[in-house]
């Protein structure tokens, strides 16, 4: 009899997490999140802002534009949706 190795570590690997601002919540159960990062130019050492938009799954439709949220990578949920909402960090005023 062989025993299977059990581990407390998730076998699927580490999922990426991003923090961004909701730009649109017009779709049903989907939000668009803009994630901004700062990249340093290799030659000129100038800080450049780069923005990327992600579509994320919002099961309860609780987000609205302007909210700061945390999203996590997940399996493909639709043609463009590969992220899901983890938490709302800050509500828009």
N, C-alpha and C. Protein backbone atom coordinates (compact mmCIF):
# COMPACT_ATOMS: atom_id res chain seq x y z
N UNK A 1 0.84 -1.19 0.00
CA UNK A 1 0.00 0.00 0.00
C UNK A 1 0.88 1.25 0.00
N UNK A 2 0.63 2.09 -0.99
CA UNK A 2 1.35 3.34 -1.06
C UNK A 2 0.44 4.47 -0.61
N UNK A 3 1.02 5.40 0.11
CA UNK A 3 0.25 6.55 0.57
C UNK A 3 0.52 7.73 -0.36
N UNK A 4 -0.52 8.46 -0.65
CA UNK A 4 -0.34 9.65 -1.46
C UNK A 4 0.19 10.77 -0.58
N UNK A 5 1.12 11.53 -1.16
CA UNK A 5 1.68 12.66 -0.41
C UNK A 5 0.65 13.77 -0.33
N UNK A 6 0.37 14.20 0.87
CA UNK A 6 -0.56 15.32 1.05
C UNK A 6 0.25 16.53 1.46
N UNK A 7 -0.11 17.62 0.86
CA UNK A 7 0.62 18.86 1.11
C UNK A 7 -0.38 19.98 1.36
N UNK A 8 0.00 20.90 2.20
CA UNK A 8 -0.87 22.04 2.47
C UNK A 8 -0.70 23.12 1.39
N UNK A 9 0.28 22.92 0.52
CA UNK A 9 0.52 23.88 -0.56
C UNK A 9 -0.44 23.60 -1.71
N UNK A 10 -0.99 24.65 -2.29
CA UNK A 10 -1.92 24.50 -3.42
C UNK A 10 -1.17 23.93 -4.61
N UNK A 11 -1.67 22.86 -5.18
CA UNK A 11 -0.97 22.18 -6.27
C UNK A 11 -1.16 22.90 -7.61
N UNK A 12 -2.12 23.82 -7.71
CA UNK A 12 -2.37 24.53 -8.96
C UNK A 12 -1.36 25.64 -9.21
N UNK A 13 -0.54 25.95 -8.23
CA UNK A 13 0.42 27.03 -8.39
C UNK A 13 -0.12 28.32 -7.82
N UNK A 14 0.73 29.30 -7.78
CA UNK A 14 0.36 30.59 -7.21
C UNK A 14 -0.39 31.42 -8.25
N UNK A 15 -1.55 31.94 -7.88
CA UNK A 15 -2.31 32.77 -8.79
C UNK A 15 -1.91 34.23 -8.60
N UNK A 16 -1.87 34.96 -9.69
CA UNK A 16 -1.48 36.37 -9.64
C UNK A 16 -2.60 37.20 -9.06
N UNK A 17 -2.24 38.23 -8.34
CA UNK A 17 -3.22 39.18 -7.80
C UNK A 17 -2.81 40.57 -8.23
N UNK A 18 -3.79 41.39 -8.53
CA UNK A 18 -3.55 42.78 -8.93
C UNK A 18 -4.52 43.68 -8.18
N UNK A 19 -4.11 44.93 -7.96
CA UNK A 19 -4.98 45.93 -7.35
C UNK A 19 -5.18 47.03 -8.38
N UNK A 20 -6.44 47.40 -8.62
CA UNK A 20 -6.72 48.41 -9.62
C UNK A 20 -8.03 49.13 -9.33
N UNK A 21 -8.40 50.01 -10.26
CA UNK A 21 -9.60 50.83 -10.13
C UNK A 21 -10.62 50.37 -11.17
N UNK A 22 -11.86 50.22 -10.74
CA UNK A 22 -12.93 49.81 -11.64
C UNK A 22 -13.25 50.98 -12.57
N UNK A 23 -13.18 50.72 -13.89
CA UNK A 23 -13.50 51.76 -14.87
C UNK A 23 -14.90 51.59 -15.43
N UNK A 24 -15.44 50.36 -15.41
CA UNK A 24 -16.77 50.11 -15.94
C UNK A 24 -17.41 48.94 -15.21
N UNK A 25 -18.71 49.08 -14.96
CA UNK A 25 -19.47 47.97 -14.37
C UNK A 25 -20.80 47.81 -15.11
N UNK A 26 -20.83 48.17 -16.38
CA UNK A 26 -22.05 48.17 -17.17
C UNK A 26 -22.50 46.76 -17.57
N UNK A 27 -21.56 45.81 -17.63
CA UNK A 27 -21.90 44.45 -18.03
C UNK A 27 -22.46 43.65 -16.86
N UNK A 28 -23.20 42.61 -17.14
CA UNK A 28 -23.76 41.77 -16.10
C UNK A 28 -22.68 40.86 -15.53
N UNK A 29 -22.45 40.96 -14.21
CA UNK A 29 -21.47 40.15 -13.48
C UNK A 29 -20.04 40.31 -13.98
N UNK A 30 -19.74 41.42 -14.65
CA UNK A 30 -18.39 41.67 -15.16
C UNK A 30 -18.01 43.11 -14.89
N UNK A 31 -16.77 43.30 -14.46
CA UNK A 31 -16.24 44.65 -14.27
C UNK A 31 -14.95 44.78 -15.08
N UNK A 32 -14.64 46.00 -15.47
CA UNK A 32 -13.37 46.29 -16.13
C UNK A 32 -12.50 47.01 -15.12
N UNK A 33 -11.29 46.48 -14.90
CA UNK A 33 -10.39 47.03 -13.89
C UNK A 33 -9.12 47.52 -14.57
N UNK A 34 -8.75 48.77 -14.31
CA UNK A 34 -7.52 49.35 -14.84
C UNK A 34 -6.43 49.21 -13.78
N UNK A 35 -5.37 48.50 -14.14
CA UNK A 35 -4.24 48.29 -13.22
C UNK A 35 -3.07 49.11 -13.73
N UNK A 36 -2.55 49.96 -12.86
CA UNK A 36 -1.46 50.84 -13.24
C UNK A 36 -0.16 50.36 -12.60
N UNK A 37 0.93 50.38 -13.37
CA UNK A 37 2.24 50.03 -12.83
C UNK A 37 3.25 51.06 -13.30
N UNK A 38 4.36 51.15 -12.59
CA UNK A 38 5.42 52.09 -12.94
C UNK A 38 6.60 51.31 -13.46
N UNK A 39 7.06 51.69 -14.65
CA UNK A 39 8.20 51.03 -15.29
C UNK A 39 9.30 52.07 -15.42
N UNK A 40 10.51 51.70 -15.10
CA UNK A 40 11.65 52.60 -15.22
C UNK A 40 12.30 52.36 -16.58
N UNK A 41 12.51 53.44 -17.33
CA UNK A 41 13.15 53.34 -18.64
C UNK A 41 14.60 52.89 -18.45
N UNK A 42 15.04 51.92 -19.25
CA UNK A 42 16.36 51.32 -19.04
C UNK A 42 17.50 52.30 -19.31
N UNK A 43 17.37 53.18 -20.30
CA UNK A 43 18.46 54.11 -20.60
C UNK A 43 18.32 55.44 -19.87
N UNK A 44 17.13 56.01 -19.89
CA UNK A 44 16.93 57.36 -19.35
C UNK A 44 16.50 57.39 -17.89
N UNK A 45 16.19 56.23 -17.32
CA UNK A 45 15.83 56.10 -15.90
C UNK A 45 14.60 56.93 -15.52
N UNK A 46 13.76 57.22 -16.48
CA UNK A 46 12.54 57.97 -16.22
C UNK A 46 11.42 57.00 -15.87
N UNK A 47 10.58 57.38 -14.91
CA UNK A 47 9.46 56.56 -14.50
C UNK A 47 8.32 56.73 -15.50
N UNK A 48 7.84 55.62 -16.05
CA UNK A 48 6.76 55.64 -17.02
C UNK A 48 5.56 54.89 -16.46
N UNK A 49 4.38 55.48 -16.52
CA UNK A 49 3.17 54.81 -16.06
C UNK A 49 2.62 53.96 -17.20
N UNK A 50 2.28 52.72 -16.89
CA UNK A 50 1.69 51.81 -17.85
C UNK A 50 0.38 51.30 -17.28
N UNK A 51 -0.68 51.36 -18.06
CA UNK A 51 -2.00 50.93 -17.61
C UNK A 51 -2.48 49.77 -18.48
N UNK A 52 -3.03 48.76 -17.83
CA UNK A 52 -3.61 47.62 -18.54
C UNK A 52 -5.00 47.36 -17.97
N UNK A 53 -5.94 47.06 -18.84
CA UNK A 53 -7.31 46.78 -18.40
C UNK A 53 -7.58 45.28 -18.40
N UNK A 54 -8.22 44.83 -17.34
CA UNK A 54 -8.59 43.43 -17.20
C UNK A 54 -10.10 43.35 -17.01
N UNK A 55 -10.71 42.29 -17.55
CA UNK A 55 -12.12 42.02 -17.28
C UNK A 55 -12.16 41.00 -16.14
N UNK A 56 -12.96 41.28 -15.12
CA UNK A 56 -13.03 40.42 -13.95
C UNK A 56 -14.48 40.06 -13.63
N UNK A 57 -14.66 38.88 -13.04
CA UNK A 57 -15.98 38.37 -12.69
C UNK A 57 -16.41 38.92 -11.34
N UNK A 58 -17.56 39.59 -11.31
CA UNK A 58 -18.14 40.14 -10.08
C UNK A 58 -19.49 39.45 -9.87
N UNK A 59 -19.50 38.37 -9.12
CA UNK A 59 -20.67 37.51 -8.98
C UNK A 59 -21.90 38.25 -8.46
N UNK A 60 -21.73 39.15 -7.50
CA UNK A 60 -22.88 39.81 -6.86
C UNK A 60 -23.17 41.19 -7.43
N UNK A 61 -22.47 41.61 -8.46
CA UNK A 61 -22.65 42.94 -9.06
C UNK A 61 -22.55 44.04 -8.00
N UNK A 62 -21.56 43.95 -7.11
CA UNK A 62 -21.46 44.90 -6.01
C UNK A 62 -20.51 46.06 -6.29
N UNK A 63 -19.72 46.00 -7.35
CA UNK A 63 -18.77 47.07 -7.67
C UNK A 63 -19.39 48.12 -8.56
N UNK A 64 -18.86 49.33 -8.46
CA UNK A 64 -19.24 50.38 -9.38
C UNK A 64 -17.98 51.15 -9.77
N UNK A 65 -18.09 51.98 -10.78
CA UNK A 65 -16.93 52.71 -11.29
C UNK A 65 -16.30 53.56 -10.20
N UNK A 66 -14.98 53.52 -10.11
CA UNK A 66 -14.24 54.29 -9.11
C UNK A 66 -13.80 53.49 -7.90
N UNK A 67 -14.35 52.30 -7.70
CA UNK A 67 -13.95 51.46 -6.57
C UNK A 67 -12.54 50.93 -6.78
N UNK A 68 -11.77 50.84 -5.71
CA UNK A 68 -10.47 50.19 -5.75
C UNK A 68 -10.66 48.75 -5.32
N UNK A 69 -10.22 47.80 -6.16
CA UNK A 69 -10.49 46.38 -5.92
C UNK A 69 -9.23 45.53 -6.07
N UNK A 70 -9.29 44.32 -5.50
CA UNK A 70 -8.25 43.33 -5.69
C UNK A 70 -8.84 42.21 -6.53
N UNK A 71 -8.11 41.82 -7.60
CA UNK A 71 -8.57 40.75 -8.47
C UNK A 71 -7.52 39.64 -8.48
N UNK A 72 -7.99 38.40 -8.76
CA UNK A 72 -7.10 37.24 -8.77
C UNK A 72 -7.29 36.48 -10.08
N UNK A 73 -6.19 35.97 -10.60
CA UNK A 73 -6.20 35.18 -11.83
C UNK A 73 -6.99 33.88 -11.60
N UNK A 74 -7.73 33.46 -12.62
CA UNK A 74 -8.52 32.24 -12.52
C UNK A 74 -8.62 31.57 -13.89
N UNK A 75 -9.34 30.47 -13.97
CA UNK A 75 -9.52 29.79 -15.25
C UNK A 75 -10.33 30.68 -16.19
N UNK A 76 -10.27 30.45 -17.49
CA UNK A 76 -11.05 31.27 -18.41
C UNK A 76 -12.55 31.13 -18.14
N UNK A 77 -13.21 32.25 -17.93
CA UNK A 77 -14.64 32.27 -17.67
C UNK A 77 -15.43 32.66 -18.92
N UNK A 78 -14.79 33.35 -19.85
CA UNK A 78 -15.39 33.70 -21.13
C UNK A 78 -14.25 34.01 -22.09
N UNK A 79 -14.57 34.58 -23.24
CA UNK A 79 -13.55 34.86 -24.25
C UNK A 79 -12.47 35.81 -23.71
N UNK A 80 -12.85 36.81 -22.95
CA UNK A 80 -11.88 37.81 -22.46
C UNK A 80 -11.73 37.84 -20.94
N UNK A 81 -12.55 37.09 -20.22
CA UNK A 81 -12.56 37.18 -18.76
C UNK A 81 -11.74 36.06 -18.12
N UNK A 82 -10.60 36.44 -17.49
CA UNK A 82 -9.71 35.47 -16.85
C UNK A 82 -9.37 35.85 -15.41
N UNK A 83 -10.10 36.78 -14.83
CA UNK A 83 -9.86 37.26 -13.47
C UNK A 83 -11.17 37.26 -12.71
N UNK A 84 -11.07 37.22 -11.38
CA UNK A 84 -12.28 37.31 -10.56
C UNK A 84 -12.03 38.26 -9.40
N UNK A 85 -13.08 38.86 -8.94
CA UNK A 85 -13.02 39.82 -7.84
C UNK A 85 -12.75 39.10 -6.53
N UNK A 86 -11.75 39.59 -5.77
CA UNK A 86 -11.44 39.00 -4.47
C UNK A 86 -12.05 39.86 -3.36
N UNK A 87 -11.79 41.18 -3.42
CA UNK A 87 -12.32 42.07 -2.40
C UNK A 87 -12.38 43.50 -2.92
N UNK A 88 -13.26 44.27 -2.30
CA UNK A 88 -13.32 45.70 -2.58
C UNK A 88 -12.51 46.39 -1.49
N UNK A 89 -11.43 47.04 -1.89
CA UNK A 89 -10.55 47.68 -0.92
C UNK A 89 -11.11 49.02 -0.46
N UNK A 90 -11.57 49.83 -1.43
CA UNK A 90 -12.09 51.15 -1.11
C UNK A 90 -13.26 51.47 -2.04
N UNK A 91 -14.36 51.93 -1.46
CA UNK A 91 -15.53 52.31 -2.23
C UNK A 91 -15.36 53.71 -2.81
N UNK A 92 -15.95 53.94 -3.99
CA UNK A 92 -15.94 55.28 -4.60
C UNK A 92 -16.91 56.16 -3.81
N UNK A 93 -16.58 57.42 -3.72
CA UNK A 93 -17.45 58.36 -2.95
C UNK A 93 -18.67 58.77 -3.71
